[in-house]
Amino acid sequence: MKLSYLVVTAFLASAMPAMAGQCPNLMKQYEDALAASAADDATKAQANELYEKGKAAHEAGDHATSEADLGEAIKLISG
């Protein structure tokens, strides 16, 4: 029983950095899209709010929410 617990714990610990690795890529994609965007100020403000929420979620360890918010911000700013 202890061995199976250790195996599961090791697996989850090794998977966390891989999941967290997507968020910085999405943040970079957003920053690049924002720099090239011709969106109006209201759309940029809305996208930036989603970006900030996604960034905060990443920092809190909630990578699923972070990816969702950052992805939505990228879609919004890319028009």
PDB file of N, CA and C in Angstrom:
ATOM      1  N   MET A   1       0.821  -1.192   0.000  1.00  0.00           N
ATOM      2  CA  MET A   1       0.000   0.000   0.000  1.00  0.00           C
ATOM      3  C   MET A   1       0.871   1.264   0.000  1.00  0.00           C
ATOM      4  N   LYS A   2       1.906   1.247   0.829  1.00  0.00           N
ATOM      5  CA  LYS A   2       2.787   2.408   0.868  1.00  0.00           C
ATOM      6  C   LYS A   2       3.487   2.611  -0.470  1.00  0.00           C
ATOM      7  N   LEU A   3       3.848   1.502  -1.114  1.00  0.00           N
ATOM      8  CA  LEU A   3       4.523   1.608  -2.404  1.00  0.00           C
ATOM      9  C   LEU A   3       3.616   2.242  -3.453  1.00  0.00           C
ATOM     10  N   SER A   4       2.347   1.834  -3.483  1.00  0.00           N
ATOM     11  CA  SER A   4       1.426   2.411  -4.471  1.00  0.00           C
ATOM     12  C   SER A   4       1.206   3.894  -4.191  1.00  0.00           C
ATOM     13  N   TYR A   5       1.160   4.276  -2.927  1.00  0.00           N
ATOM     14  CA  TYR A   5       1.017   5.680  -2.566  1.00  0.00           C
ATOM     15  C   TYR A   5       2.233   6.468  -3.049  1.00  0.00           C
ATOM     16  N   LEU A   6       3.410   5.915  -2.866  1.00  0.00           N
ATOM     17  CA  LEU A   6       4.629   6.587  -3.308  1.00  0.00           C
ATOM     18  C   LEU A   6       4.679   6.704  -4.828  1.00  0.00           C
ATOM     19  N   VAL A   7       4.230   5.675  -5.527  1.00  0.00           N
ATOM     20  CA  VAL A   7       4.225   5.712  -6.991  1.00  0.00           C
ATOM     21  C   VAL A   7       3.278   6.798  -7.487  1.00  0.00           C
ATOM     22  N   VAL A   8       2.086   6.853  -6.917  1.00  0.00           N
ATOM     23  CA  VAL A   8       1.103   7.873  -7.323  1.00  0.00           C
ATOM     24  C   VAL A   8       1.637   9.270  -6.997  1.00  0.00           C
ATOM     25  N   THR A   9       2.204   9.443  -5.838  1.00  0.00           N
ATOM     26  CA  THR A   9       2.750  10.744  -5.442  1.00  0.00           C
ATOM     27  C   THR A   9       3.877  11.175  -6.383  1.00  0.00           C
ATOM     28  N   ALA A  10       4.759  10.230  -6.700  1.00  0.00           N
ATOM     29  CA  ALA A  10       5.862  10.548  -7.611  1.00  0.00           C
ATOM     30  C   ALA A  10       5.340  10.920  -8.993  1.00  0.00           C
ATOM     31  N   PHE A  11       4.327  10.204  -9.459  1.00  0.00           N
ATOM     32  CA  PHE A  11       3.747  10.511 -10.767  1.00  0.00           C
ATOM     33  C   PHE A  11       3.143  11.904 -10.782  1.00  0.00           C
ATOM     34  N   LEU A  12       2.354  12.210  -9.770  1.00  0.00           N
ATOM     35  CA  LEU A  12       1.725  13.534  -9.721  1.00  0.00           C
ATOM     36  C   LEU A  12       2.767  14.643  -9.602  1.00  0.00           C
ATOM     37  N   ALA A  13       3.787  14.424  -8.820  1.00  0.00           N
ATOM     38  CA  ALA A  13       4.836  15.435  -8.660  1.00  0.00           C
ATOM     39  C   ALA A  13       5.578  15.669  -9.967  1.00  0.00           C
ATOM     40  N   SER A  14       5.780  14.606 -10.730  1.00  0.00           N
ATOM     41  CA  SER A  14       6.486  14.773 -12.002  1.00  0.00           C
ATOM     42  C   SER A  14       5.594  15.387 -13.072  1.00  0.00           C
ATOM     43  N   ALA A  15       4.289  15.214 -12.948  1.00  0.00           N
ATOM     44  CA  ALA A  15       3.366  15.757 -13.944  1.00  0.00           C
ATOM     45  C   ALA A  15       3.102  17.246 -13.736  1.00  0.00           C
ATOM     46  N   MET A  16       3.211  17.741 -12.527  1.00  0.00           N
ATOM     47  CA  MET A  16       2.891  19.138 -12.242  1.00  0.00           C
ATOM     48  C   MET A  16       3.745  20.124 -13.041  1.00  0.00           C
ATOM     49  N   PRO A  17       5.061  19.953 -13.121  1.00  0.00           N
ATOM     50  CA  PRO A  17       5.834  20.913 -13.919  1.00  0.00           C
ATOM     51  C   PRO A  17       5.441  20.902 -15.394  1.00  0.00           C
ATOM     52  N   ALA A  18       5.047  19.757 -15.903  1.00  0.00           N
ATOM     53  CA  ALA A  18       4.641  19.690 -17.308  1.00  0.00           C
ATOM     54  C   ALA A  18       3.360  20.477 -17.522  1.00  0.00           C
ATOM     55  N   MET A  19       2.423  20.361 -16.587  1.00  0.00           N
ATOM     56  CA  MET A  19       1.170  21.097 -16.710  1.00  0.00           C
ATOM     57  C   MET A  19       1.409  22.596 -16.536  1.00  0.00           C
ATOM     58  N   ALA A  20       2.276  22.954 -15.620  1.00  0.00           N
ATOM     59  CA  ALA A  20       2.560  24.366 -15.370  1.00  0.00           C
ATOM     60  C   ALA A  20       3.315  24.992 -16.524  1.00  0.00           C
ATOM     61  N   GLY A  21       3.993  24.170 -17.317  1.00  0.00           N
ATOM     62  CA  GLY A  21       4.803  24.677 -18.409  1.00  0.00           C
ATOM     63  C   GLY A  21       4.014  25.310 -19.530  1.00  0.00           C
ATOM     64  N   GLN A  22       2.743  24.983 -19.657  1.00  0.00           N
ATOM     65  CA  GLN A  22       1.921  25.526 -20.729  1.00  0.00           C
ATOM     66  C   GLN A  22       1.553  26.992 -20.466  1.00  0.00           C
ATOM     67  N   CYS A  23       1.371  27.348 -19.211  1.00  0.00           N
ATOM     68  CA  CYS A  23       0.934  28.702 -18.875  1.00  0.00           C
ATOM     69  C   CYS A  23       1.913  29.781 -19.357  1.00  0.00           C
ATOM     70  N   PRO A  24       3.208  29.649 -19.105  1.00  0.00           N
ATOM     71  CA  PRO A  24       4.132  30.680 -19.599  1.00  0.00           C
ATOM     72  C   PRO A  24       4.099  30.815 -21.130  1.00  0.00           C
ATOM     73  N   ASN A  25       3.917  29.704 -21.828  1.00  0.00           N
ATOM     74  CA  ASN A  25       3.816  29.769 -23.286  1.00  0.00           C
ATOM     75  C   ASN A  25       2.578  30.555 -23.705  1.00  0.00           C
ATOM     76  N   LEU A  26       1.478  30.329 -23.021  1.00  0.00           N
ATOM     77  CA  LEU A  26       0.250  31.064 -23.332  1.00  0.00           C
ATOM     78  C   LEU A  26       0.392  32.547 -22.998  1.00  0.00           C
ATOM     79  N   MET A  27       1.077  32.850 -21.910  1.00  0.00           N
ATOM     80  CA  MET A  27       1.305  34.262 -21.558  1.00  0.00           C
ATOM     81  C   MET A  27       2.123  34.952 -22.644  1.00  0.00           C
ATOM     82  N   LYS A  28       3.130  34.271 -23.148  1.00  0.00           N
ATOM     83  CA  LYS A  28       3.962  34.828 -24.227  1.00  0.00           C
ATOM     84  C   LYS A  28       3.137  35.002 -25.495  1.00  0.00           C
ATOM     85  N   GLN A  29       2.294  34.013 -25.818  1.00  0.00           N
ATOM     86  CA  GLN A  29       1.421  34.122 -26.998  1.00  0.00           C
ATOM     87  C   GLN A  29       0.509  35.339 -26.872  1.00  0.00           C
ATOM     88  N   TYR A  30      -0.034  35.551 -25.671  1.00  0.00           N
ATOM     89  CA  TYR A  30      -0.911  36.699 -25.459  1.00  0.00           C
ATOM     90  C   TYR A  30      -0.142  38.003 -25.663  1.00  0.00           C
ATOM     91  N   GLU A  31       1.029  38.098 -25.068  1.00  0.00           N
ATOM     92  CA  GLU A  31       1.826  39.323 -25.192  1.00  0.00           C
ATOM     93  C   GLU A  31       2.167  39.616 -26.650  1.00  0.00           C
ATOM     94  N   ASP A  32       2.504  38.582 -27.414  1.00  0.00           N
ATOM     95  CA  ASP A  32       2.793  38.757 -28.842  1.00  0.00           C
ATOM     96  C   ASP A  32       1.546  39.183 -29.608  1.00  0.00           C
ATOM     97  N   ALA A  33       0.414  38.553 -29.291  1.00  0.00           N
ATOM     98  CA  ALA A  33      -0.845  38.894 -29.963  1.00  0.00           C
ATOM     99  C   ALA A  33      -1.270  40.318 -29.630  1.00  0.00           C
ATOM    100  N   LEU A  34      -1.066  40.719 -28.387  1.00  0.00           N
ATOM    101  CA  LEU A  34      -1.419  42.080 -27.973  1.00  0.00           C
ATOM    102  C   LEU A  34      -0.588  43.108 -28.731  1.00  0.00           C
ATOM    103  N   ALA A  35       0.694  42.842 -28.887  1.00  0.00           N
ATOM    104  CA  ALA A  35       1.576  43.771 -29.587  1.00  0.00           C
ATOM    105  C   ALA A  35       1.172  43.942 -31.052  1.00  0.00           C
ATOM    106  N   ALA A  36       0.618  42.894 -31.650  1.00  0.00           N
ATOM    107  CA  ALA A  36       0.235  42.940 -33.062  1.00  0.00           C
ATOM    108  C   ALA A  36      -1.238  43.259 -33.273  1.00  0.00           C
ATOM    109  N   SER A  37      -1.979  43.416 -32.197  1.00  0.00           N
ATOM    110  CA  SER A  37      -3.431  43.555 -32.291  1.00  0.00           C
ATOM    111  C   SER A  37      -3.879  44.949 -32.725  1.00  0.00           C
ATOM    112  N   ALA A  38      -4.939  44.943 -33.513  1.00  0.00           N
ATOM    113  CA  ALA A  38      -5.582  46.197 -33.902  1.00  0.00           C
ATOM    114  C   ALA A  38      -6.932  46.337 -33.205  1.00  0.00           C
ATOM    115  N   ALA A  39      -7.127  45.576 -32.138  1.00  0.00           N
ATOM    116  CA  ALA A  39      -8.393  45.603 -31.402  1.00  0.00           C
ATOM    117  C   ALA A  39      -8.590  46.967 -30.745  1.00  0.00           C
ATOM    118  N   ASP A  40      -9.851  47.297 -30.497  1.00  0.00           N
ATOM    119  CA  ASP A  40     -10.145  48.566 -29.835  1.00  0.00           C
ATOM    120  C   ASP A  40      -9.770  48.497 -28.356  1.00  0.00           C
ATOM    121  N   ASP A  41      -9.773  49.653 -27.717  1.00  0.00           N
ATOM    122  CA  ASP A  41      -9.329  49.743 -26.323  1.00  0.00           C
ATOM    123  C   ASP A  41     -10.197  48.909 -25.380  1.00  0.00           C
ATOM    124  N   ALA A  42     -11.492  48.864 -25.616  1.00  0.00           N
ATOM    125  CA  ALA A  42     -12.387  48.096 -24.755  1.00  0.00           C
ATOM    126  C   ALA A  42     -12.077  46.605 -24.846  1.00  0.00           C
ATOM    127  N   THR A  43     -11.819  46.112 -26.049  1.00  0.00           N
ATOM    128  CA  THR A  43     -11.476  44.697 -26.238  1.00  0.00           C
ATOM    129  C   THR A  43     -10.135  44.391 -25.600  1.00  0.00           C
ATOM    130  N   LYS A  44      -9.174  45.297 -25.761  1.00  0.00           N
ATOM    131  CA  LYS A  44      -7.866  45.104 -25.136  1.00  0.00           C
ATOM    132  C   LYS A  44      -7.990  45.077 -23.616  1.00  0.00           C
ATOM    133  N   ALA A  45      -8.821  45.931 -23.049  1.00  0.00           N
ATOM    134  CA  ALA A  45      -9.017  45.966 -21.600  1.00  0.00           C
ATOM    135  C   ALA A  45      -9.648  44.664 -21.110  1.00  0.00           C
ATOM    136  N   GLN A  46     -10.632  44.174 -21.856  1.00  0.00           N
ATOM    137  CA  GLN A  46     -11.291  42.914 -21.491  1.00  0.00           C
ATOM    138  C   GLN A  46     -10.299  41.745 -21.575  1.00  0.00           C
ATOM    139  N   ALA A  47      -9.504  41.721 -22.637  1.00  0.00           N
ATOM    140  CA  ALA A  47      -8.512  40.665 -22.810  1.00  0.00           C
ATOM    141  C   ALA A  47      -7.443  40.756 -21.722  1.00  0.00           C
ATOM    142  N   ASN A  48      -7.040  41.971 -21.377  1.00  0.00           N
ATOM    143  CA  ASN A  48      -6.017  42.147 -20.345  1.00  0.00           C
ATOM    144  C   ASN A  48      -6.523  41.688 -18.981  1.00  0.00           C
ATOM    145  N   GLU A  49      -7.809  41.880 -18.717  1.00  0.00           N
ATOM    146  CA  GLU A  49      -8.396  41.410 -17.463  1.00  0.00           C
ATOM    147  C   GLU A  49      -8.333  39.872 -17.393  1.00  0.00           C
ATOM    148  N   LEU A  50      -8.655  39.213 -18.506  1.00  0.00           N
ATOM    149  CA  LEU A  50      -8.554  37.752 -18.562  1.00  0.00           C
ATOM    150  C   LEU A  50      -7.105  37.297 -18.406  1.00  0.00           C
ATOM    151  N   TYR A  51      -6.195  38.011 -19.039  1.00  0.00           N
ATOM    152  CA  TYR A  51      -4.769  37.698 -18.920  1.00  0.00           C
ATOM    153  C   TYR A  51      -4.315  37.773 -17.461  1.00  0.00           C
ATOM    154  N   GLU A  52      -4.693  38.838 -16.778  1.00  0.00           N
ATOM    155  CA  GLU A  52      -4.297  39.006 -15.376  1.00  0.00           C
ATOM    156  C   GLU A  52      -4.906  37.911 -14.495  1.00  0.00           C
ATOM    157  N   LYS A  53      -6.167  37.539 -14.770  1.00  0.00           N
ATOM    158  CA  LYS A  53      -6.785  36.445 -14.024  1.00  0.00           C
ATOM    159  C   LYS A  53      -6.046  35.137 -14.281  1.00  0.00           C
ATOM    160  N   GLY A  54      -5.681  34.899 -15.530  1.00  0.00           N
ATOM    161  CA  GLY A  54      -4.955  33.689 -15.880  1.00  0.00           C
ATOM    162  C   GLY A  54      -3.582  33.642 -15.242  1.00  0.00           C
ATOM    163  N   LYS A  55      -2.917  34.760 -15.226  1.00  0.00           N
ATOM    164  CA  LYS A  55      -1.587  34.848 -14.614  1.00  0.00           C
ATOM    165  C   LYS A  55      -1.682  34.584 -13.113  1.00  0.00           C
ATOM    166  N   ALA A  56      -2.691  35.165 -12.465  1.00  0.00           N
ATOM    167  CA  ALA A  56      -2.880  34.954 -11.027  1.00  0.00           C
ATOM    168  C   ALA A  56      -3.218  33.488 -10.736  1.00  0.00           C
ATOM    169  N   ALA A  57      -4.033  32.881 -11.579  1.00  0.00           N
ATOM    170  CA  ALA A  57      -4.381  31.471 -11.394  1.00  0.00           C
ATOM    171  C   ALA A  57      -3.138  30.598 -11.526  1.00  0.00           C
ATOM    172  N   HIS A  58      -2.283  30.914 -12.486  1.00  0.00           N
ATOM    173  CA  HIS A  58      -1.027  30.174 -12.658  1.00  0.00           C
ATOM    174  C   HIS A  58      -0.176  30.276 -11.398  1.00  0.00           C
ATOM    175  N   GLU A  59      -0.036  31.479 -10.893  1.00  0.00           N
ATOM    176  CA  GLU A  59       0.785  31.694  -9.701  1.00  0.00           C
ATOM    177  C   GLU A  59       0.211  30.996  -8.480  1.00  0.00           C
ATOM    178  N   ALA A  60      -1.121  30.803  -8.468  1.00  0.00           N
ATOM    179  CA  ALA A  60      -1.785  30.103  -7.362  1.00  0.00           C
ATOM    180  C   ALA A  60      -1.766  28.587  -7.557  1.00  0.00           C
ATOM    181  N   GLY A  61      -1.265  28.135  -8.700  1.00  0.00           N
ATOM    182  CA  GLY A  61      -1.188  26.702  -8.962  1.00  0.00           C
ATOM    183  C   GLY A  61      -2.407  26.118  -9.652  1.00  0.00           C
ATOM    184  N   ASP A  62      -3.360  26.961 -10.038  1.00  0.00           N
ATOM    185  CA  ASP A  62      -4.582  26.497 -10.716  1.00  0.00           C
ATOM    186  C   ASP A  62      -4.359  26.597 -12.224  1.00  0.00           C
ATOM    187  N   HIS A  63      -3.674  25.623 -12.772  1.00  0.00           N
ATOM    188  CA  HIS A  63      -3.234  25.704 -14.161  1.00  0.00           C
ATOM    189  C   HIS A  63      -4.361  25.490 -15.159  1.00  0.00           C
ATOM    190  N   ALA A  64      -5.379  24.726 -14.795  1.00  0.00           N
ATOM    191  CA  ALA A  64      -6.513  24.532 -15.700  1.00  0.00           C
ATOM    192  C   ALA A  64      -7.248  25.859 -15.912  1.00  0.00           C
ATOM    193  N   THR A  65      -7.490  26.576 -14.822  1.00  0.00           N
ATOM    194  CA  THR A  65      -8.147  27.886 -14.924  1.00  0.00           C
ATOM    195  C   THR A  65      -7.252  28.869 -15.658  1.00  0.00           C
ATOM    196  N   SER A  66      -5.971  28.829 -15.362  1.00  0.00           N
ATOM    197  CA  SER A  66      -5.022  29.714 -16.023  1.00  0.00           C
ATOM    198  C   SER A  66      -5.047  29.508 -17.529  1.00  0.00           C
ATOM    199  N   GLU A  67      -4.967  28.258 -17.965  1.00  0.00           N
ATOM    200  CA  GLU A  67      -4.978  27.960 -19.399  1.00  0.00           C
ATOM    201  C   GLU A  67      -6.280  28.407 -20.047  1.00  0.00           C
ATOM    202  N   ALA A  68      -7.402  28.212 -19.363  1.00  0.00           N
ATOM    203  CA  ALA A  68      -8.698  28.629 -19.914  1.00  0.00           C
ATOM    204  C   ALA A  68      -8.756  30.146 -20.067  1.00  0.00           C
ATOM    205  N   ASP A  69      -8.365  30.880 -19.027  1.00  0.00           N
ATOM    206  CA  ASP A  69      -8.414  32.349 -19.075  1.00  0.00           C
ATOM    207  C   ASP A  69      -7.435  32.909 -20.103  1.00  0.00           C
ATOM    208  N   LEU A  70      -6.228  32.373 -20.124  1.00  0.00           N
ATOM    209  CA  LEU A  70      -5.234  32.857 -21.090  1.00  0.00           C
ATOM    210  C   LEU A  70      -5.650  32.538 -22.521  1.00  0.00           C
ATOM    211  N   GLY A  71      -6.200  31.360 -22.734  1.00  0.00           N
ATOM    212  CA  GLY A  71      -6.681  30.995 -24.069  1.00  0.00           C
ATOM    213  C   GLY A  71      -7.796  31.905 -24.537  1.00  0.00           C
ATOM    214  N   GLU A  72      -8.703  32.230 -23.627  1.00  0.00           N
ATOM    215  CA  GLU A  72      -9.801  33.139 -23.970  1.00  0.00           C
ATOM    216  C   GLU A  72      -9.268  34.541 -24.271  1.00  0.00           C
ATOM    217  N   ALA A  73      -8.277  34.984 -23.513  1.00  0.00           N
ATOM    218  CA  ALA A  73      -7.676  36.302 -23.764  1.00  0.00           C
ATOM    219  C   ALA A  73      -7.014  36.346 -25.126  1.00  0.00           C
ATOM    220  N   ILE A  74      -6.329  35.267 -25.498  1.00  0.00           N
ATOM    221  CA  ILE A  74      -5.687  35.197 -26.819  1.00  0.00           C
ATOM    222  C   ILE A  74      -6.725  35.242 -27.920  1.00  0.00           C
ATOM    223  N   LYS A  75      -7.795  34.489 -27.775  1.00  0.00           N
ATOM    224  CA  LYS A  75      -8.867  34.510 -28.795  1.00  0.00           C
ATOM    225  C   LYS A  75      -9.467  35.885 -28.944  1.00  0.00           C
ATOM    226  N   LEU A  76      -9.708  36.518 -27.808  1.00  0.00           N
ATOM    227  CA  LEU A  76     -10.342  37.836 -27.808  1.00  0.00           C
ATOM    228  C   LEU A  76      -9.456  38.877 -28.493  1.00  0.00           C
ATOM    229  N   ILE A  77      -8.183  38.865 -28.175  1.00  0.00           N
ATOM    230  CA  ILE A  77      -7.275  39.895 -28.701  1.00  0.00           C
ATOM    231  C   ILE A  77      -6.908  39.621 -30.164  1.00  0.00           C
ATOM    232  N   SER A  78      -6.978  38.350 -30.557  1.00  0.00           N
ATOM    233  CA  SER A  78      -6.646  37.989 -31.938  1.00  0.00           C
ATOM    234  C   SER A  78      -7.795  38.250 -32.890  1.00  0.00           C
ATOM    235  N   GLY A  79      -8.957  38.471 -32.326  1.00  0.00           N
ATOM    236  CA  GLY A  79     -10.129  38.835 -33.095  1.00  0.00           C
ATOM    237  C   GLY A  79     -10.633  37.802 -34.001  1.00  0.00           C
TER     238      GLY A  79
END
